[in-house]
PDB file of N, CA and C in Angstrom:
ATOM      1  N   MET A   1      66.513 210.074 -39.843  1.00  0.00           N
ATOM      2  CA  MET A   1      67.591 210.494 -39.327  1.00  0.00           C
ATOM      3  C   MET A   1      67.986 212.028 -40.034  1.00  0.00           C
ATOM      4  N   PRO A   2      67.758 213.027 -39.039  1.00  0.00           N
ATOM      5  CA  PRO A   2      67.872 214.277 -39.725  1.00  0.00           C
ATOM      6  C   PRO A   2      69.349 214.436 -40.098  1.00  0.00           C
ATOM      7  N   MET A   3      69.433 215.259 -41.331  1.00  0.00           N
ATOM      8  CA  MET A   3      70.791 215.619 -41.772  1.00  0.00           C
ATOM      9  C   MET A   3      71.299 216.818 -40.669  1.00  0.00           C
ATOM     10  N   ASN A   4      72.702 216.813 -40.332  1.00  0.00           N
ATOM     11  CA  ASN A   4      73.167 217.850 -39.430  1.00  0.00           C
ATOM     12  C   ASN A   4      73.144 219.045 -40.501  1.00  0.00           C
ATOM     13  N   GLN A   5      72.710 220.518 -40.066  1.00  0.00           N
ATOM     14  CA  GLN A   5      73.002 221.453 -40.976  1.00  0.00           C
ATOM     15  C   GLN A   5      74.422 222.193 -40.711  1.00  0.00           C
ATOM     16  N   PRO A   6      74.925 222.785 -41.960  1.00  0.00           N
ATOM     17  CA  PRO A   6      76.251 223.022 -41.710  1.00  0.00           C
ATOM     18  C   PRO A   6      76.273 224.328 -41.112  1.00  0.00           C
ATOM     19  N   ASP A   7      77.257 224.373 -40.296  1.00  0.00           N
ATOM     20  CA  ASP A   7      77.677 225.954 -39.640  1.00  0.00           C
ATOM     21  C   ASP A   7      78.013 226.964 -40.542  1.00  0.00           C
ATOM     22  N   PRO A   8      76.866 227.961 -40.909  1.00  0.00           N
ATOM     23  CA  PRO A   8      77.238 229.008 -41.403  1.00  0.00           C
ATOM     24  C   PRO A   8      78.743 229.592 -41.625  1.00  0.00           C
ATOM     25  N   ARG A   9      79.205 229.978 -40.484  1.00  0.00           N
ATOM     26  CA  ARG A   9      80.415 230.276 -40.298  1.00  0.00           C
ATOM     27  C   ARG A   9      81.671 229.362 -41.230  1.00  0.00           C
ATOM     28  N   GLU A  10      81.376 228.105 -40.948  1.00  0.00           N
ATOM     29  CA  GLU A  10      82.231 226.985 -41.585  1.00  0.00           C
ATOM     30  C   GLU A  10      82.155 227.285 -42.974  1.00  0.00           C
ATOM     31  N   ILE A  11      81.233 227.280 -43.492  1.00  0.00           N
ATOM     32  CA  ILE A  11      80.574 227.610 -45.044  1.00  0.00           C
ATOM     33  C   ILE A  11      81.524 228.949 -45.464  1.00  0.00           C
ATOM     34  N   GLY A  12      81.330 230.030 -44.642  1.00  0.00           N
ATOM     35  CA  GLY A  12      81.812 231.095 -44.923  1.00  0.00           C
ATOM     36  C   GLY A  12      83.422 231.133 -44.984  1.00  0.00           C
ATOM     37  N   HIS A  13      83.989 230.392 -44.198  1.00  0.00           N
ATOM     38  CA  HIS A  13      85.196 230.048 -44.216  1.00  0.00           C
ATOM     39  C   HIS A  13      85.704 229.543 -45.194  1.00  0.00           C
ATOM     40  N   TYR A  14      85.032 228.247 -45.933  1.00  0.00           N
ATOM     41  CA  TYR A  14      85.586 227.783 -47.200  1.00  0.00           C
ATOM     42  C   TYR A  14      85.311 228.433 -48.443  1.00  0.00           C
ATOM     43  N   TYR A  15      84.212 229.514 -48.315  1.00  0.00           N
ATOM     44  CA  TYR A  15      83.939 230.248 -49.241  1.00  0.00           C
ATOM     45  C   TYR A  15      85.088 231.300 -49.626  1.00  0.00           C
ATOM     46  N   ALA A  16      85.735 231.569 -48.259  1.00  0.00           N
ATOM     47  CA  ALA A  16      86.968 232.766 -48.300  1.00  0.00           C
ATOM     48  C   ALA A  16      88.219 231.892 -48.900  1.00  0.00           C
ATOM     49  N   LEU A  17      88.174 230.771 -48.769  1.00  0.00           N
ATOM     50  CA  LEU A  17      89.323 230.043 -49.202  1.00  0.00           C
ATOM     51  C   LEU A  17      89.103 229.785 -50.355  1.00  0.00           C
ATOM     52  N   ALA A  18      87.817 229.364 -51.219  1.00  0.00           N
ATOM     53  CA  ALA A  18      88.084 229.142 -52.615  1.00  0.00           C
ATOM     54  C   ALA A  18      87.929 230.691 -53.398  1.00  0.00           C
ATOM     55  N   GLN A  19      87.626 231.461 -52.606  1.00  0.00           N
ATOM     56  CA  GLN A  19      87.977 233.216 -53.167  1.00  0.00           C
ATOM     57  C   GLN A  19      89.364 233.321 -53.488  1.00  0.00           C
ATOM     58  N   VAL A  20      90.274 232.901 -52.255  1.00  0.00           N
ATOM     59  CA  VAL A  20      91.609 232.906 -52.192  1.00  0.00           C
ATOM     60  C   VAL A  20      92.057 232.142 -53.445  1.00  0.00           C
ATOM     61  N   GLY A  21      91.607 231.152 -53.758  1.00  0.00           N
ATOM     62  CA  GLY A  21      92.038 230.132 -55.108  1.00  0.00           C
ATOM     63  C   GLY A  21      91.703 231.020 -56.237  1.00  0.00           C
ATOM     64  N   THR A  22      90.682 231.383 -56.298  1.00  0.00           N
ATOM     65  CA  THR A  22      90.429 232.083 -57.475  1.00  0.00           C
ATOM     66  C   THR A  22      91.225 233.291 -57.545  1.00  0.00           C
ATOM     67  N   GLU A  23      91.598 234.245 -56.795  1.00  0.00           N
ATOM     68  CA  GLU A  23      92.319 235.457 -56.786  1.00  0.00           C
ATOM     69  C   GLU A  23      93.596 235.137 -57.399  1.00  0.00           C
ATOM     70  N   MET A  24      94.213 233.822 -57.084  1.00  0.00           N
ATOM     71  CA  MET A  24      95.272 233.525 -57.288  1.00  0.00           C
ATOM     72  C   MET A  24      95.287 232.994 -58.821  1.00  0.00           C
ATOM     73  N   VAL A  25      94.504 232.382 -59.400  1.00  0.00           N
ATOM     74  CA  VAL A  25      94.331 231.956 -60.856  1.00  0.00           C
ATOM     75  C   VAL A  25      94.148 232.591 -61.765  1.00  0.00           C
ATOM     76  N   MET A  26      92.787 233.612 -61.544  1.00  0.00           N
ATOM     77  CA  MET A  26      92.534 234.576 -62.431  1.00  0.00           C
ATOM     78  C   MET A  26      93.615 235.531 -63.113  1.00  0.00           C
ATOM     79  N   PRO A  27      94.348 235.973 -62.045  1.00  0.00           N
ATOM     80  CA  PRO A  27      95.156 236.931 -62.954  1.00  0.00           C
ATOM     81  C   PRO A  27      96.234 236.350 -64.085  1.00  0.00           C
ATOM     82  N   VAL A  28      96.463 234.831 -63.932  1.00  0.00           N
ATOM     83  CA  VAL A  28      97.309 234.046 -64.676  1.00  0.00           C
ATOM     84  C   VAL A  28      96.412 233.976 -65.977  1.00  0.00           C
ATOM     85  N   VAL A  29      94.886 233.528 -65.674  1.00  0.00           N
ATOM     86  CA  VAL A  29      94.395 233.635 -66.725  1.00  0.00           C
ATOM     87  C   VAL A  29      94.016 234.651 -67.940  1.00  0.00           C
ATOM     88  N   VAL A  30      94.101 235.805 -67.227  1.00  0.00           N
ATOM     89  CA  VAL A  30      93.960 237.048 -67.752  1.00  0.00           C
ATOM     90  C   VAL A  30      95.389 237.129 -68.548  1.00  0.00           C
ATOM     91  N   GLY A  31      96.428 236.703 -67.861  1.00  0.00           N
ATOM     92  CA  GLY A  31      97.867 237.107 -68.416  1.00  0.00           C
ATOM     93  C   GLY A  31      98.026 236.198 -69.770  1.00  0.00           C
ATOM     94  N   LEU A  32      97.387 235.065 -69.561  1.00  0.00           N
ATOM     95  CA  LEU A  32      97.437 234.145 -70.811  1.00  0.00           C
ATOM     96  C   LEU A  32      96.422 234.748 -71.899  1.00  0.00           C
ATOM     97  N   VAL A  33      95.451 235.240 -71.678  1.00  0.00           N
ATOM     98  CA  VAL A  33      94.758 235.929 -72.897  1.00  0.00           C
ATOM     99  C   VAL A  33      95.358 236.881 -73.210  1.00  0.00           C
ATOM    100  N   LEU A  34      95.783 238.197 -72.808  1.00  0.00           N
ATOM    101  CA  LEU A  34      96.525 239.161 -72.946  1.00  0.00           C
ATOM    102  C   LEU A  34      97.889 238.591 -74.134  1.00  0.00           C
ATOM    103  N   ASP A  35      98.495 237.473 -73.379  1.00  0.00           N
ATOM    104  CA  ASP A  35      99.681 237.209 -74.181  1.00  0.00           C
ATOM    105  C   ASP A  35      99.294 236.703 -75.473  1.00  0.00           C
ATOM    106  N   SER A  36      98.285 235.818 -75.701  1.00  0.00           N
ATOM    107  CA  SER A  36      97.754 235.618 -77.034  1.00  0.00           C
ATOM    108  C   SER A  36      97.051 236.631 -77.900  1.00  0.00           C
ATOM    109  N   TYR A  37      96.451 237.582 -77.509  1.00  0.00           N
ATOM    110  CA  TYR A  37      96.019 238.594 -78.138  1.00  0.00           C
ATOM    111  C   TYR A  37      96.810 239.754 -78.478  1.00  0.00           C
ATOM    112  N   LEU A  38      97.898 239.997 -77.448  1.00  0.00           N
ATOM    113  CA  LEU A  38      98.826 241.083 -77.786  1.00  0.00           C
ATOM    114  C   LEU A  38     100.168 240.428 -78.132  1.00  0.00           C
ATOM    115  N   ASP A  39     100.223 239.195 -78.108  1.00  0.00           N
ATOM    116  CA  ASP A  39     101.921 238.731 -78.569  1.00  0.00           C
ATOM    117  C   ASP A  39     103.037 239.376 -77.623  1.00  0.00           C
ATOM    118  N   TRP A  40     102.685 238.920 -76.114  1.00  0.00           N
ATOM    119  CA  TRP A  40     103.677 239.491 -74.936  1.00  0.00           C
ATOM    120  C   TRP A  40     104.154 238.275 -74.442  1.00  0.00           C
ATOM    121  N   ARG A  41     104.158 237.162 -75.114  1.00  0.00           N
ATOM    122  CA  ARG A  41     104.489 236.109 -74.290  1.00  0.00           C
ATOM    123  C   ARG A  41     105.740 236.352 -74.010  1.00  0.00           C
ATOM    124  N   PRO A  42     106.306 235.989 -72.608  1.00  0.00           N
ATOM    125  CA  PRO A  42     105.642 235.243 -71.723  1.00  0.00           C
ATOM    126  C   PRO A  42     105.251 236.245 -70.563  1.00  0.00           C
ATOM    127  N   TRP A  43     105.097 237.961 -70.845  1.00  0.00           N
ATOM    128  CA  TRP A  43     105.273 238.716 -69.547  1.00  0.00           C
ATOM    129  C   TRP A  43     103.727 238.801 -69.107  1.00  0.00           C
ATOM    130  N   GLY A  44     102.696 238.489 -69.880  1.00  0.00           N
ATOM    131  CA  GLY A  44     101.299 238.544 -69.122  1.00  0.00           C
ATOM    132  C   GLY A  44     101.057 237.243 -68.086  1.00  0.00           C
ATOM    133  N   VAL A  45     101.614 236.244 -68.308  1.00  0.00           N
ATOM    134  CA  VAL A  45     101.420 235.181 -67.502  1.00  0.00           C
ATOM    135  C   VAL A  45     102.600 235.589 -66.126  1.00  0.00           C
ATOM    136  N   VAL A  46     103.771 235.994 -66.488  1.00  0.00           N
ATOM    137  CA  VAL A  46     104.616 236.269 -65.365  1.00  0.00           C
ATOM    138  C   VAL A  46     103.927 237.220 -64.484  1.00  0.00           C
ATOM    139  N   VAL A  47     103.605 238.383 -65.087  1.00  0.00           N
ATOM    140  CA  VAL A  47     102.813 239.612 -64.078  1.00  0.00           C
ATOM    141  C   VAL A  47     101.714 239.079 -63.607  1.00  0.00           C
ATOM    142  N   GLY A  48     100.626 238.268 -64.317  1.00  0.00           N
ATOM    143  CA  GLY A  48      99.524 237.617 -63.822  1.00  0.00           C
ATOM    144  C   GLY A  48      99.796 236.583 -62.421  1.00  0.00           C
ATOM    145  N   ALA A  49     101.068 235.914 -62.851  1.00  0.00           N
ATOM    146  CA  ALA A  49     101.150 234.791 -61.503  1.00  0.00           C
ATOM    147  C   ALA A  49     101.905 235.859 -60.229  1.00  0.00           C
ATOM    148  N   VAL A  50     102.581 236.913 -60.605  1.00  0.00           N
ATOM    149  CA  VAL A  50     103.006 237.531 -59.492  1.00  0.00           C
ATOM    150  C   VAL A  50     101.945 238.182 -58.945  1.00  0.00           C
ATOM    151  N   LEU A  51     101.219 238.789 -59.454  1.00  0.00           N
ATOM    152  CA  LEU A  51     100.061 239.536 -58.801  1.00  0.00           C
ATOM    153  C   LEU A  51      98.975 238.748 -58.230  1.00  0.00           C
ATOM    154  N   GLY A  52      98.852 237.719 -59.011  1.00  0.00           N
ATOM    155  CA  GLY A  52      97.916 236.772 -58.016  1.00  0.00           C
ATOM    156  C   GLY A  52      98.447 236.043 -57.223  1.00  0.00           C
ATOM    157  N   LEU A  53      99.893 235.977 -56.826  1.00  0.00           N
ATOM    158  CA  LEU A  53     100.265 235.275 -55.655  1.00  0.00           C
ATOM    159  C   LEU A  53     100.340 236.596 -54.632  1.00  0.00           C
ATOM    160  N   THR A  54     100.540 237.325 -55.108  1.00  0.00           N
ATOM    161  CA  THR A  54     100.467 238.747 -54.008  1.00  0.00           C
ATOM    162  C   THR A  54      99.295 238.850 -53.362  1.00  0.00           C
ATOM    163  N   ALA A  55      98.058 238.900 -54.274  1.00  0.00           N
ATOM    164  CA  ALA A  55      97.020 239.231 -53.693  1.00  0.00           C
ATOM    165  C   ALA A  55      96.135 238.026 -53.084  1.00  0.00           C
ATOM    166  N   GLY A  56      96.500 236.889 -53.367  1.00  0.00           N
ATOM    167  CA  GLY A  56      96.335 235.453 -52.779  1.00  0.00           C
ATOM    168  C   GLY A  56      96.722 235.774 -51.255  1.00  0.00           C
ATOM    169  N   LEU A  57      98.123 235.791 -51.420  1.00  0.00           N
ATOM    170  CA  LEU A  57      98.741 235.755 -49.859  1.00  0.00           C
ATOM    171  C   LEU A  57      98.121 236.676 -49.218  1.00  0.00           C
ATOM    172  N   ALA A  58      98.168 237.973 -49.674  1.00  0.00           N
ATOM    173  CA  ALA A  58      97.420 239.029 -48.735  1.00  0.00           C
ATOM    174  C   ALA A  58      96.132 238.864 -48.175  1.00  0.00           C
ATOM    175  N   HIS A  59      95.376 237.965 -49.123  1.00  0.00           N
ATOM    176  CA  HIS A  59      94.112 237.765 -48.489  1.00  0.00           C
ATOM    177  C   HIS A  59      93.984 236.554 -47.380  1.00  0.00           C
ATOM    178  N   LEU A  60      95.033 235.577 -47.736  1.00  0.00           N
ATOM    179  CA  LEU A  60      95.141 234.619 -46.539  1.00  0.00           C
ATOM    180  C   LEU A  60      95.654 235.251 -45.312  1.00  0.00           C
ATOM    181  N   VAL A  61      96.455 236.369 -45.298  1.00  0.00           N
ATOM    182  CA  VAL A  61      96.749 237.002 -44.032  1.00  0.00           C
ATOM    183  C   VAL A  61      95.759 237.568 -43.432  1.00  0.00           C
ATOM    184  N   VAL A  62      94.781 238.242 -44.351  1.00  0.00           N
ATOM    185  CA  VAL A  62      93.516 238.905 -43.566  1.00  0.00           C
ATOM    186  C   VAL A  62      92.927 238.103 -42.872  1.00  0.00           C
ATOM    187  N   ILE A  63      92.560 236.709 -43.739  1.00  0.00           N
ATOM    188  CA  ILE A  63      91.796 235.690 -43.152  1.00  0.00           C
ATOM    189  C   ILE A  63      92.179 235.080 -41.689  1.00  0.00           C
ATOM    190  N   VAL A  64      93.772 234.947 -41.805  1.00  0.00           N
ATOM    191  CA  VAL A  64      94.259 234.403 -40.483  1.00  0.00           C
ATOM    192  C   VAL A  64      94.215 235.335 -39.484  1.00  0.00           C
ATOM    193  N   ASN A  65      94.395 236.546 -39.852  1.00  0.00           N
ATOM    194  CA  ASN A  65      94.313 237.756 -38.625  1.00  0.00           C
ATOM    195  C   ASN A  65      92.856 237.711 -38.080  1.00  0.00           C
ATOM    196  N   ARG A  66      91.887 237.720 -39.055  1.00  0.00           N
ATOM    197  CA  ARG A  66      90.501 237.588 -38.545  1.00  0.00           C
ATOM    198  C   ARG A  66      90.034 236.617 -37.579  1.00  0.00           C
ATOM    199  N   GLY A  67      90.763 235.385 -38.031  1.00  0.00           N
ATOM    200  CA  GLY A  67      90.531 234.058 -37.172  1.00  0.00           C
ATOM    201  C   GLY A  67      91.224 234.442 -35.721  1.00  0.00           C
ATOM    202  N   ASP A  68      92.393 234.665 -35.905  1.00  0.00           N
ATOM    203  CA  ASP A  68      93.008 235.009 -34.677  1.00  0.00           C
ATOM    204  C   ASP A  68      92.458 236.089 -33.674  1.00  0.00           C
ATOM    205  N   ARG A  69      92.021 237.167 -34.281  1.00  0.00           N
ATOM    206  CA  ARG A  69      90.875 237.978 -33.459  1.00  0.00           C
ATOM    207  C   ARG A  69      90.043 237.613 -32.951  1.00  0.00           C
ATOM    208  N   LYS A  70      89.253 236.729 -33.927  1.00  0.00           N
ATOM    209  CA  LYS A  70      87.814 236.095 -33.096  1.00  0.00           C
ATOM    210  C   LYS A  70      88.419 235.207 -32.021  1.00  0.00           C
ATOM    211  N   SER A  71      89.319 234.297 -32.328  1.00  0.00           N
ATOM    212  CA  SER A  71      89.596 233.181 -31.094  1.00  0.00           C
ATOM    213  C   SER A  71      90.039 233.858 -29.623  1.00  0.00           C
ATOM    214  N   SER A  72      91.112 235.133 -30.244  1.00  0.00           N
ATOM    215  CA  SER A  72      91.261 235.830 -28.844  1.00  0.00           C
ATOM    216  C   SER A  72      90.375 236.415 -27.922  1.00  0.00           C
ATOM    217  N   GLN A  73      89.210 236.962 -28.580  1.00  0.00           N
ATOM    218  CA  GLN A  73      87.803 237.546 -28.155  1.00  0.00           C
ATOM    219  C   GLN A  73      87.246 236.682 -27.517  1.00  0.00           C
ATOM    220  N   GLU A  74      87.104 235.340 -28.120  1.00  0.00           N
ATOM    221  CA  GLU A  74      86.311 234.443 -27.418  1.00  0.00           C
ATOM    222  C   GLU A  74      87.169 233.771 -26.214  1.00  0.00           C
ATOM    223  N   SER A  75      88.333 233.688 -26.478  1.00  0.00           N
ATOM    224  CA  SER A  75      89.005 232.931 -25.075  1.00  0.00           C
ATOM    225  C   SER A  75      89.013 234.018 -23.788  1.00  0.00           C
ATOM    226  N   ARG A  76      88.936 235.478 -24.396  1.00  0.00           N
ATOM    227  CA  ARG A  76      88.807 236.355 -23.170  1.00  0.00           C
ATOM    228  C   ARG A  76      87.330 236.324 -22.492  1.00  0.00           C
ATOM    229  N   ARG A  77      86.489 235.931 -23.309  1.00  0.00           N
ATOM    230  CA  ARG A  77      85.168 235.676 -22.812  1.00  0.00           C
ATOM    231  C   ARG A  77      84.886 234.423 -22.043  1.00  0.00           C
ATOM    232  N   ASP A  78      85.724 233.735 -22.200  1.00  0.00           N
ATOM    233  CA  ASP A  78      85.596 232.494 -21.547  1.00  0.00           C
ATOM    234  C   ASP A  78      86.425 232.573 -20.124  1.00  0.00           C
ATOM    235  N   ASP A  79      87.446 233.463 -19.854  1.00  0.00           N
ATOM    236  CA  ASP A  79      88.094 233.677 -18.844  1.00  0.00           C
ATOM    237  C   ASP A  79      87.241 234.257 -17.779  1.00  0.00           C
ATOM    238  N   PRO A  80      87.500 233.878 -16.192  1.00  0.00           N
ATOM    239  CA  PRO A  80      86.714 234.040 -15.060  1.00  0.00           C
ATOM    240  C   PRO A  80      87.376 235.494 -14.708  1.00  0.00           C
TER     241      PRO A  80
END
């Protein structure tokens, strides 16, 4: 039985979602590091969390809008 090859678009979609997760977590990690080295507790984590949430949500909006545009273009092609 041959294995089905994954759809490259689907893999790209999952990669984009993983990237959003990384964008949301990395600023918090950087904030933790800055807190420990510069003794800024808790402001590095707070700023990192706000920046990470903002960047992650903005990227999610871009991904959703891109998907909506593609689906509307495909539906226009299917209309007679």
